[in-house]
Amino acid sequence: MQLEKLIHVVSRLSPARQQEVMDFAAFLEHRYGEKKQTALAGWTDHEFQSMSVEQAMRGIEDEPELYSETDVQEHWR
């Protein structure tokens, strides 16, 4: 079926039926479409952990210091 004919047929349907066509097209794309290789697939555990820590700590250097060493009441030995 040609794309123009499909568009013409779908455009005559109600909005609810058009949504059904969209949902079905998404299902077909998910089931039969090309599977994309994720960028993380080739990462080592160390690379992924480093990236995770970097993201978690992002912006922390801009936060004000809440405590100083004088606030410490017990020191680890």
PDB file of N, CA and C in Angstrom:
ATOM      1  N   MET A   1       0.851  -1.178   0.000  1.00  0.00           N
ATOM      2  CA  MET A   1       0.000   0.000   0.000  1.00  0.00           C
ATOM      3  C   MET A   1       0.893   1.236   0.000  1.00  0.00           C
ATOM      4  N   GLN A   2       0.524   2.195  -0.767  1.00  0.00           N
ATOM      5  CA  GLN A   2       1.313   3.405  -0.832  1.00  0.00           C
ATOM      6  C   GLN A   2       0.971   4.333   0.327  1.00  0.00           C
ATOM      7  N   LEU A   3       1.934   5.128   0.717  1.00  0.00           N
ATOM      8  CA  LEU A   3       1.786   6.009   1.859  1.00  0.00           C
ATOM      9  C   LEU A   3       0.654   7.013   1.658  1.00  0.00           C
ATOM     10  N   GLU A   4       0.539   7.565   0.464  1.00  0.00           N
ATOM     11  CA  GLU A   4      -0.522   8.555   0.203  1.00  0.00           C
ATOM     12  C   GLU A   4      -1.907   7.946   0.408  1.00  0.00           C
ATOM     13  N   LYS A   5      -2.083   6.709  -0.043  1.00  0.00           N
ATOM     14  CA  LYS A   5      -3.377   6.038   0.100  1.00  0.00           C
ATOM     15  C   LYS A   5      -3.669   5.780   1.574  1.00  0.00           C
ATOM     16  N   LEU A   6      -2.648   5.356   2.322  1.00  0.00           N
ATOM     17  CA  LEU A   6      -2.813   5.118   3.750  1.00  0.00           C
ATOM     18  C   LEU A   6      -3.207   6.405   4.464  1.00  0.00           C
ATOM     19  N   ILE A   7      -2.529   7.490   4.147  1.00  0.00           N
ATOM     20  CA  ILE A   7      -2.853   8.783   4.765  1.00  0.00           C
ATOM     21  C   ILE A   7      -4.281   9.174   4.446  1.00  0.00           C
ATOM     22  N   HIS A   8      -4.710   8.972   3.202  1.00  0.00           N
ATOM     23  CA  HIS A   8      -6.075   9.316   2.804  1.00  0.00           C
ATOM     24  C   HIS A   8      -7.105   8.493   3.584  1.00  0.00           C
ATOM     25  N   VAL A   9      -6.863   7.213   3.721  1.00  0.00           N
ATOM     26  CA  VAL A   9      -7.793   6.337   4.442  1.00  0.00           C
ATOM     27  C   VAL A   9      -7.847   6.711   5.914  1.00  0.00           C
ATOM     28  N   VAL A  10      -6.697   6.906   6.533  1.00  0.00           N
ATOM     29  CA  VAL A  10      -6.648   7.217   7.964  1.00  0.00           C
ATOM     30  C   VAL A  10      -7.258   8.589   8.242  1.00  0.00           C
ATOM     31  N   SER A  11      -7.065   9.524   7.334  1.00  0.00           N
ATOM     32  CA  SER A  11      -7.600  10.878   7.563  1.00  0.00           C
ATOM     33  C   SER A  11      -9.120  10.903   7.604  1.00  0.00           C
ATOM     34  N   ARG A  12      -9.774   9.900   7.041  1.00  0.00           N
ATOM     35  CA  ARG A  12     -11.241   9.844   7.064  1.00  0.00           C
ATOM     36  C   ARG A  12     -11.783   9.200   8.333  1.00  0.00           C
ATOM     37  N   LEU A  13     -10.908   8.656   9.152  1.00  0.00           N
ATOM     38  CA  LEU A  13     -11.342   8.013  10.398  1.00  0.00           C
ATOM     39  C   LEU A  13     -11.523   9.043  11.504  1.00  0.00           C
ATOM     40  N   SER A  14     -12.255   8.639  12.529  1.00  0.00           N
ATOM     41  CA  SER A  14     -12.428   9.505  13.699  1.00  0.00           C
ATOM     42  C   SER A  14     -11.091   9.624  14.441  1.00  0.00           C
ATOM     43  N   PRO A  15     -10.927  10.664  15.254  1.00  0.00           N
ATOM     44  CA  PRO A  15      -9.674  10.807  16.011  1.00  0.00           C
ATOM     45  C   PRO A  15      -9.346   9.577  16.874  1.00  0.00           C
ATOM     46  N   ALA A  16     -10.355   8.956  17.446  1.00  0.00           N
ATOM     47  CA  ALA A  16     -10.116   7.769  18.269  1.00  0.00           C
ATOM     48  C   ALA A  16      -9.572   6.623  17.417  1.00  0.00           C
ATOM     49  N   ARG A  17     -10.131   6.441  16.225  1.00  0.00           N
ATOM     50  CA  ARG A  17      -9.658   5.378  15.328  1.00  0.00           C
ATOM     51  C   ARG A  17      -8.274   5.715  14.768  1.00  0.00           C
ATOM     52  N   GLN A  18      -7.990   7.001  14.532  1.00  0.00           N
ATOM     53  CA  GLN A  18      -6.654   7.403  14.093  1.00  0.00           C
ATOM     54  C   GLN A  18      -5.625   7.050  15.164  1.00  0.00           C
ATOM     55  N   GLN A  19      -6.008   7.228  16.437  1.00  0.00           N
ATOM     56  CA  GLN A  19      -5.107   6.874  17.529  1.00  0.00           C
ATOM     57  C   GLN A  19      -4.854   5.376  17.549  1.00  0.00           C
ATOM     58  N   GLU A  20      -5.889   4.584  17.248  1.00  0.00           N
ATOM     59  CA  GLU A  20      -5.707   3.133  17.174  1.00  0.00           C
ATOM     60  C   GLU A  20      -4.701   2.767  16.086  1.00  0.00           C
ATOM     61  N   VAL A  21      -4.787   3.445  14.947  1.00  0.00           N
ATOM     62  CA  VAL A  21      -3.845   3.195  13.856  1.00  0.00           C
ATOM     63  C   VAL A  21      -2.431   3.553  14.307  1.00  0.00           C
ATOM     64  N   MET A  22      -2.282   4.692  14.999  1.00  0.00           N
ATOM     65  CA  MET A  22      -0.973   5.101  15.510  1.00  0.00           C
ATOM     66  C   MET A  22      -0.428   4.077  16.500  1.00  0.00           C
ATOM     67  N   ASP A  23      -1.292   3.604  17.399  1.00  0.00           N
ATOM     68  CA  ASP A  23      -0.867   2.607  18.383  1.00  0.00           C
ATOM     69  C   ASP A  23      -0.425   1.316  17.697  1.00  0.00           C
ATOM     70  N   PHE A  24      -1.174   0.904  16.678  1.00  0.00           N
ATOM     71  CA  PHE A  24      -0.823  -0.318  15.962  1.00  0.00           C
ATOM     72  C   PHE A  24       0.485  -0.141  15.199  1.00  0.00           C
ATOM     73  N   ALA A  25       0.676   1.024  14.596  1.00  0.00           N
ATOM     74  CA  ALA A  25       1.924   1.295  13.884  1.00  0.00           C
ATOM     75  C   ALA A  25       3.104   1.273  14.853  1.00  0.00           C
ATOM     76  N   ALA A  26       2.915   1.830  16.052  1.00  0.00           N
ATOM     77  CA  ALA A  26       3.977   1.807  17.066  1.00  0.00           C
ATOM     78  C   ALA A  26       4.286   0.373  17.483  1.00  0.00           C
ATOM     79  N   PHE A  27       3.242  -0.445  17.618  1.00  0.00           N
ATOM     80  CA  PHE A  27       3.427  -1.856  17.956  1.00  0.00           C
ATOM     81  C   PHE A  27       4.236  -2.567  16.870  1.00  0.00           C
ATOM     82  N   LEU A  28       3.872  -2.349  15.610  1.00  0.00           N
ATOM     83  CA  LEU A  28       4.588  -2.987  14.506  1.00  0.00           C
ATOM     84  C   LEU A  28       6.037  -2.526  14.452  1.00  0.00           C
ATOM     85  N   GLU A  29       6.257  -1.239  14.680  1.00  0.00           N
ATOM     86  CA  GLU A  29       7.624  -0.721  14.674  1.00  0.00           C
ATOM     87  C   GLU A  29       8.442  -1.361  15.791  1.00  0.00           C
ATOM     88  N   HIS A  30       7.823  -1.492  16.959  1.00  0.00           N
ATOM     89  CA  HIS A  30       8.524  -2.096  18.092  1.00  0.00           C
ATOM     90  C   HIS A  30       8.842  -3.568  17.828  1.00  0.00           C
ATOM     91  N   ARG A  31       7.895  -4.258  17.250  1.00  0.00           N
ATOM     92  CA  ARG A  31       8.061  -5.699  17.030  1.00  0.00           C
ATOM     93  C   ARG A  31       8.981  -6.018  15.859  1.00  0.00           C
ATOM     94  N   TYR A  32       8.835  -5.297  14.760  1.00  0.00           N
ATOM     95  CA  TYR A  32       9.559  -5.656  13.549  1.00  0.00           C
ATOM     96  C   TYR A  32      10.608  -4.635  13.118  1.00  0.00           C
ATOM     97  N   GLY A  33      10.656  -3.497  13.776  1.00  0.00           N
ATOM     98  CA  GLY A  33      11.613  -2.466  13.402  1.00  0.00           C
ATOM     99  C   GLY A  33      13.030  -2.882  13.746  1.00  0.00           C
ATOM    100  N   GLU A  34      13.982  -2.131  13.208  1.00  0.00           N
ATOM    101  CA  GLU A  34      15.385  -2.424  13.489  1.00  0.00           C
ATOM    102  C   GLU A  34      15.667  -2.153  14.959  1.00  0.00           C
ATOM    103  N   LYS A  35      16.342  -3.070  15.570  1.00  0.00           N
ATOM    104  CA  LYS A  35      16.736  -2.901  16.961  1.00  0.00           C
ATOM    105  C   LYS A  35      17.990  -2.043  16.996  1.00  0.00           C
ATOM    106  N   LYS A  36      17.929  -0.943  17.731  1.00  0.00           N
ATOM    107  CA  LYS A  36      19.087  -0.060  17.836  1.00  0.00           C
ATOM    108  C   LYS A  36      19.987  -0.543  18.959  1.00  0.00           C
ATOM    109  N   GLN A  37      21.263  -0.543  18.687  1.00  0.00           N
ATOM    110  CA  GLN A  37      22.250  -0.919  19.696  1.00  0.00           C
ATOM    111  C   GLN A  37      22.422   0.273  20.633  1.00  0.00           C
ATOM    112  N   THR A  38      22.271   0.054  21.908  1.00  0.00           N
ATOM    113  CA  THR A  38      22.433   1.151  22.846  1.00  0.00           C
ATOM    114  C   THR A  38      23.900   1.484  23.015  1.00  0.00           C
ATOM    115  N   ALA A  39      24.166   2.725  23.309  1.00  0.00           N
ATOM    116  CA  ALA A  39      25.544   3.183  23.468  1.00  0.00           C
ATOM    117  C   ALA A  39      26.195   2.551  24.693  1.00  0.00           C
ATOM    118  N   LEU A  40      25.403   2.154  25.670  1.00  0.00           N
ATOM    119  CA  LEU A  40      25.947   1.594  26.897  1.00  0.00           C
ATOM    120  C   LEU A  40      26.353   0.136  26.762  1.00  0.00           C
ATOM    121  N   ALA A  41      25.966  -0.505  25.669  1.00  0.00           N
ATOM    122  CA  ALA A  41      26.218  -1.937  25.531  1.00  0.00           C
ATOM    123  C   ALA A  41      27.700  -2.272  25.572  1.00  0.00           C
ATOM    124  N   GLY A  42      28.549  -1.379  25.086  1.00  0.00           N
ATOM    125  CA  GLY A  42      29.972  -1.667  25.056  1.00  0.00           C
ATOM    126  C   GLY A  42      30.739  -1.148  26.262  1.00  0.00           C
ATOM    127  N   TRP A  43      30.042  -0.575  27.230  1.00  0.00           N
ATOM    128  CA  TRP A  43      30.717  -0.003  28.390  1.00  0.00           C
ATOM    129  C   TRP A  43      31.147  -1.093  29.361  1.00  0.00           C
ATOM    130  N   THR A  44      32.306  -0.879  29.961  1.00  0.00           N
ATOM    131  CA  THR A  44      32.733  -1.777  31.031  1.00  0.00           C
ATOM    132  C   THR A  44      32.049  -1.343  32.322  1.00  0.00           C
ATOM    133  N   ASP A  45      32.061  -2.210  33.323  1.00  0.00           N
ATOM    134  CA  ASP A  45      31.465  -1.851  34.616  1.00  0.00           C
ATOM    135  C   ASP A  45      32.147  -0.626  35.210  1.00  0.00           C
ATOM    136  N   HIS A  46      33.464  -0.562  35.070  1.00  0.00           N
ATOM    137  CA  HIS A  46      34.216   0.581  35.617  1.00  0.00           C
ATOM    138  C   HIS A  46      33.805   1.885  34.932  1.00  0.00           C
ATOM    139  N   GLU A  47      33.666   1.872  33.603  1.00  0.00           N
ATOM    140  CA  GLU A  47      33.253   3.075  32.878  1.00  0.00           C
ATOM    141  C   GLU A  47      31.854   3.517  33.299  1.00  0.00           C
ATOM    142  N   PHE A  48      30.945   2.556  33.448  1.00  0.00           N
ATOM    143  CA  PHE A  48      29.579   2.887  33.835  1.00  0.00           C
ATOM    144  C   PHE A  48      29.537   3.434  35.262  1.00  0.00           C
ATOM    145  N   GLN A  49      30.293   2.834  36.176  1.00  0.00           N
ATOM    146  CA  GLN A  49      30.328   3.320  37.561  1.00  0.00           C
ATOM    147  C   GLN A  49      30.915   4.724  37.625  1.00  0.00           C
ATOM    148  N   SER A  50      31.964   4.983  36.857  1.00  0.00           N
ATOM    149  CA  SER A  50      32.567   6.318  36.834  1.00  0.00           C
ATOM    150  C   SER A  50      31.569   7.352  36.335  1.00  0.00           C
ATOM    151  N   MET A  51      30.861   7.020  35.263  1.00  0.00           N
ATOM    152  CA  MET A  51      29.861   7.940  34.735  1.00  0.00           C
ATOM    153  C   MET A  51      28.757   8.174  35.752  1.00  0.00           C
ATOM    154  N   SER A  52      28.342   7.135  36.458  1.00  0.00           N
ATOM    155  CA  SER A  52      27.277   7.261  37.454  1.00  0.00           C
ATOM    156  C   SER A  52      27.691   8.189  38.587  1.00  0.00           C
ATOM    157  N   VAL A  53      28.910   8.027  39.073  1.00  0.00           N
ATOM    158  CA  VAL A  53      29.408   8.881  40.154  1.00  0.00           C
ATOM    159  C   VAL A  53      29.523  10.319  39.671  1.00  0.00           C
ATOM    160  N   GLU A  54      30.030  10.515  38.458  1.00  0.00           N
ATOM    161  CA  GLU A  54      30.151  11.869  37.911  1.00  0.00           C
ATOM    162  C   GLU A  54      28.788  12.550  37.828  1.00  0.00           C
ATOM    163  N   GLN A  55      27.782  11.824  37.389  1.00  0.00           N
ATOM    164  CA  GLN A  55      26.446  12.404  37.279  1.00  0.00           C
ATOM    165  C   GLN A  55      25.844  12.690  38.648  1.00  0.00           C
ATOM    166  N   ALA A  56      26.071  11.810  39.600  1.00  0.00           N
ATOM    167  CA  ALA A  56      25.521  12.004  40.947  1.00  0.00           C
ATOM    168  C   ALA A  56      26.157  13.204  41.631  1.00  0.00           C
ATOM    169  N   MET A  57      27.440  13.438  41.382  1.00  0.00           N
ATOM    170  CA  MET A  57      28.158  14.518  42.055  1.00  0.00           C
ATOM    171  C   MET A  57      28.159  15.820  41.249  1.00  0.00           C
ATOM    172  N   ARG A  58      27.537  15.816  40.088  1.00  0.00           N
ATOM    173  CA  ARG A  58      27.522  16.993  39.218  1.00  0.00           C
ATOM    174  C   ARG A  58      26.918  18.192  39.946  1.00  0.00           C
ATOM    175  N   GLY A  59      27.631  19.292  39.973  1.00  0.00           N
ATOM    176  CA  GLY A  59      27.139  20.529  40.569  1.00  0.00           C
ATOM    177  C   GLY A  59      27.388  20.652  42.054  1.00  0.00           C
ATOM    178  N   ILE A  60      27.924  19.621  42.688  1.00  0.00           N
ATOM    179  CA  ILE A  60      28.113  19.665  44.134  1.00  0.00           C
ATOM    180  C   ILE A  60      29.144  20.720  44.539  1.00  0.00           C
ATOM    181  N   GLU A  61      30.093  21.009  43.641  1.00  0.00           N
ATOM    182  CA  GLU A  61      31.114  22.007  43.977  1.00  0.00           C
ATOM    183  C   GLU A  61      30.525  23.411  44.106  1.00  0.00           C
ATOM    184  N   ASP A  62      29.338  23.630  43.563  1.00  0.00           N
ATOM    185  CA  ASP A  62      28.681  24.937  43.656  1.00  0.00           C
ATOM    186  C   ASP A  62      27.859  25.100  44.931  1.00  0.00           C
ATOM    187  N   GLU A  63      27.662  24.016  45.671  1.00  0.00           N
ATOM    188  CA  GLU A  63      26.859  24.089  46.892  1.00  0.00           C
ATOM    189  C   GLU A  63      27.687  24.634  48.052  1.00  0.00           C
ATOM    190  N   PRO A  64      27.057  25.372  48.954  1.00  0.00           N
ATOM    191  CA  PRO A  64      27.811  25.936  50.080  1.00  0.00           C
ATOM    192  C   PRO A  64      28.215  24.844  51.076  1.00  0.00           C
ATOM    193  N   GLU A  65      29.333  25.077  51.763  1.00  0.00           N
ATOM    194  CA  GLU A  65      29.779  24.158  52.812  1.00  0.00           C
ATOM    195  C   GLU A  65      28.855  24.335  54.013  1.00  0.00           C
ATOM    196  N   LEU A  66      28.273  23.259  54.491  1.00  0.00           N
ATOM    197  CA  LEU A  66      27.364  23.341  55.635  1.00  0.00           C
ATOM    198  C   LEU A  66      28.084  23.137  56.954  1.00  0.00           C
ATOM    199  N   TYR A  67      29.174  22.393  56.931  1.00  0.00           N
ATOM    200  CA  TYR A  67      29.888  22.063  58.157  1.00  0.00           C
ATOM    201  C   TYR A  67      31.384  22.274  57.946  1.00  0.00           C
ATOM    202  N   SER A  68      32.081  22.545  59.017  1.00  0.00           N
ATOM    203  CA  SER A  68      33.537  22.651  58.961  1.00  0.00           C
ATOM    204  C   SER A  68      34.131  21.603  59.891  1.00  0.00           C
ATOM    205  N   GLU A  69      35.449  21.517  59.931  1.00  0.00           N
ATOM    206  CA  GLU A  69      36.087  20.537  60.809  1.00  0.00           C
ATOM    207  C   GLU A  69      35.834  20.845  62.280  1.00  0.00           C
ATOM    208  N   THR A  70      35.553  22.076  62.609  1.00  0.00           N
ATOM    209  CA  THR A  70      35.275  22.417  64.017  1.00  0.00           C
ATOM    210  C   THR A  70      33.930  21.859  64.467  1.00  0.00           C
ATOM    211  N   ASP A  71      33.057  21.524  63.525  1.00  0.00           N
ATOM    212  CA  ASP A  71      31.762  20.944  63.860  1.00  0.00           C
ATOM    213  C   ASP A  71      31.855  19.456  64.192  1.00  0.00           C
ATOM    214  N   VAL A  72      32.964  18.832  63.837  1.00  0.00           N
ATOM    215  CA  VAL A  72      33.136  17.389  64.061  1.00  0.00           C
ATOM    216  C   VAL A  72      33.395  17.139  65.547  1.00  0.00           C
ATOM    217  N   GLN A  73      32.565  16.252  66.123  1.00  0.00           N
ATOM    218  CA  GLN A  73      32.734  15.961  67.536  1.00  0.00           C
ATOM    219  C   GLN A  73      33.484  14.656  67.768  1.00  0.00           C
ATOM    220  N   GLU A  74      33.456  13.746  66.808  1.00  0.00           N
ATOM    221  CA  GLU A  74      34.207  12.503  66.895  1.00  0.00           C
ATOM    222  C   GLU A  74      35.030  12.333  65.644  1.00  0.00           C
ATOM    223  N   HIS A  75      36.247  11.904  65.806  1.00  0.00           N
ATOM    224  CA  HIS A  75      37.111  11.641  64.661  1.00  0.00           C
ATOM    225  C   HIS A  75      37.267  10.137  64.491  1.00  0.00           C
ATOM    226  N   TRP A  76      37.272   9.687  63.278  1.00  0.00           N
ATOM    227  CA  TRP A  76      37.463   8.270  62.972  1.00  0.00           C
ATOM    228  C   TRP A  76      38.912   7.889  63.220  1.00  0.00           C
ATOM    229  N   ARG A  77      39.118   6.788  63.895  1.00  0.00           N
ATOM    230  CA  ARG A  77      40.495   6.345  64.190  1.00  0.00           C
ATOM    231  C   ARG A  77      40.825   5.102  63.451  1.00  0.00           C
TER     232      ARG A  77
END
